[in-house]
C-alpha atoms as a PDB file:
ATOM      1  CA  UNK A   1      43.832  12.901 105.743  1.00  0.00           C
ATOM      2  CA  UNK A   2      43.598  15.076 108.836  1.00  0.00           C
ATOM      3  CA  UNK A   3      44.985  18.569 108.378  1.00  0.00           C
ATOM      4  CA  UNK A   4      45.100  19.660 112.017  1.00  0.00           C
ATOM      5  CA  UNK A   5      48.872  20.204 111.929  1.00  0.00           C
ATOM      6  CA  UNK A   6      50.476  22.685 109.582  1.00  0.00           C
ATOM      7  CA  UNK A   7      53.745  22.048 107.795  1.00  0.00           C
ATOM      8  CA  UNK A   8      55.466  24.609 109.987  1.00  0.00           C
ATOM      9  CA  UNK A   9      54.285  22.983 113.214  1.00  0.00           C
ATOM     10  CA  UNK A  10      55.411  19.587 111.922  1.00  0.00           C
ATOM     11  CA  UNK A  11      58.848  20.994 111.126  1.00  0.00           C
ATOM     12  CA  UNK A  12      59.073  22.556 114.577  1.00  0.00           C
ATOM     13  CA  UNK A  13      58.246  19.174 116.115  1.00  0.00           C
ATOM     14  CA  UNK A  14      60.970  17.472 114.088  1.00  0.00           C
ATOM     15  CA  UNK A  15      63.525  19.992 115.393  1.00  0.00           C
ATOM     16  CA  UNK A  16      62.722  19.061 118.981  1.00  0.00           C
ATOM     17  CA  UNK A  17      65.742  17.409 120.646  1.00  0.00           C
ATOM     18  CA  UNK A  18      63.450  15.035 122.598  1.00  0.00           C
ATOM     19  CA  UNK A  19      62.149  13.158 119.563  1.00  0.00           C
ATOM     20  CA  UNK A  20      63.745   9.803 118.745  1.00  0.00           C
ATOM     21  CA  UNK A  21      65.318   9.609 115.290  1.00  0.00           C
ATOM     22  CA  UNK A  22      62.527   7.528 113.760  1.00  0.00           C
ATOM     23  CA  UNK A  23      59.863   9.903 115.096  1.00  0.00           C
ATOM     24  CA  UNK A  24      61.777  12.918 113.754  1.00  0.00           C
ATOM     25  CA  UNK A  25      61.969  11.303 110.308  1.00  0.00           C
ATOM     26  CA  UNK A  26      58.260  10.442 110.411  1.00  0.00           C
ATOM     27  CA  UNK A  27      57.376  14.030 111.308  1.00  0.00           C
ATOM     28  CA  UNK A  28      59.496  15.386 108.453  1.00  0.00           C
ATOM     29  CA  UNK A  29      57.876  12.955 106.000  1.00  0.00           C
ATOM     30  CA  UNK A  30      54.424  13.976 107.227  1.00  0.00           C
ATOM     31  CA  UNK A  31      55.377  17.635 106.782  1.00  0.00           C
ATOM     32  CA  UNK A  32      56.538  17.071 103.211  1.00  0.00           C
ATOM     33  CA  UNK A  33      53.419  15.050 102.342  1.00  0.00           C
ATOM     34  CA  UNK A  34      51.237  17.822 103.776  1.00  0.00           C
ATOM     35  CA  UNK A  35      53.101  20.408 101.700  1.00  0.00           C
ATOM     36  CA  UNK A  36      52.704  18.345  98.527  1.00  0.00           C
ATOM     37  CA  UNK A  37      49.006  17.763  99.187  1.00  0.00           C
ATOM     38  CA  UNK A  38      48.381  21.470  99.708  1.00  0.00           C
ATOM     39  CA  UNK A  39      50.326  22.334  96.548  1.00  0.00           C
ATOM     40  CA  UNK A  40      48.353  19.792  94.518  1.00  0.00           C
ATOM     41  CA  UNK A  41      44.964  21.015  95.789  1.00  0.00           C
ATOM     42  CA  UNK A  42      45.907  24.648  95.188  1.00  0.00           C
ATOM     43  CA  UNK A  43      46.930  23.938  91.605  1.00  0.00           C
ATOM     44  CA  UNK A  44      43.720  22.028  90.909  1.00  0.00           C
ATOM     45  CA  UNK A  45      41.706  24.979  92.209  1.00  0.00           C
ATOM     46  CA  UNK A  46      43.794  27.429  90.188  1.00  0.00           C
ATOM     47  CA  UNK A  47      42.839  25.528  87.042  1.00  0.00           C
ATOM     48  CA  UNK A  48      39.155  26.312  87.607  1.00  0.00           C
ATOM     49  CA  UNK A  49      39.435  30.036  88.327  1.00  0.00           C
ATOM     50  CA  UNK A  50      37.674  32.494  86.038  1.00  0.00           C
ATOM     51  CA  UNK A  51      39.787  35.100  84.189  1.00  0.00           C
ATOM     52  CA  UNK A  52      38.582  37.943  86.410  1.00  0.00           C
ATOM     53  CA  UNK A  53      39.683  36.000  89.509  1.00  0.00           C
ATOM     54  CA  UNK A  54      43.079  35.287  87.969  1.00  0.00           C
ATOM     55  CA  UNK A  55      43.442  38.995  87.288  1.00  0.00           C
ATOM     56  CA  UNK A  56      42.458  39.705  90.888  1.00  0.00           C
ATOM     57  CA  UNK A  57      45.352  37.584  92.216  1.00  0.00           C
ATOM     58  CA  UNK A  58      47.769  39.006  89.656  1.00  0.00           C
ATOM     59  CA  UNK A  59      48.102  36.067  87.278  1.00  0.00           C
ATOM     60  CA  UNK A  60      47.569  35.815  83.567  1.00  0.00           C
ATOM     61  CA  UNK A  61      45.890  32.791  82.009  1.00  0.00           C
ATOM     62  CA  UNK A  62      49.278  31.663  80.640  1.00  0.00           C
ATOM     63  CA  UNK A  63      50.953  31.924  84.059  1.00  0.00           C
ATOM     64  CA  UNK A  64      48.154  29.946  85.682  1.00  0.00           C
ATOM     65  CA  UNK A  65      48.344  27.268  82.996  1.00  0.00           C
ATOM     66  CA  UNK A  66      52.113  27.012  83.495  1.00  0.00           C
ATOM     67  CA  UNK A  67      51.638  26.583  87.266  1.00  0.00           C
ATOM     68  CA  UNK A  68      48.892  23.975  86.835  1.00  0.00           C
ATOM     69  CA  UNK A  69      51.146  21.851  84.606  1.00  0.00           C
ATOM     70  CA  UNK A  70      53.746  21.480  87.360  1.00  0.00           C
ATOM     71  CA  UNK A  71      53.948  18.271  89.344  1.00  0.00           C
ATOM     72  CA  UNK A  72      52.987  18.329  93.029  1.00  0.00           C
ATOM     73  CA  UNK A  73      56.625  17.984  94.118  1.00  0.00           C
ATOM     74  CA  UNK A  74      57.825  20.960  92.050  1.00  0.00           C
ATOM     75  CA  UNK A  75      58.161  24.166  94.052  1.00  0.00           C
END
């Protein structure tokens, strides 16, 4: 999956009045899928962090574990 567009740029494109309805929907779907993919990758990486790195970002082991257990679509 190419990650050349950020979620914010995709959302800005979908707000453009020149886009046909189907294109606007496709851009919004792509933005949501990008957001979910980023969330999923971040949580997988969080699972592997050492305790001193968790402390460095201000999380306890319990907080990190709670975040890792969330589904990709949960904010």
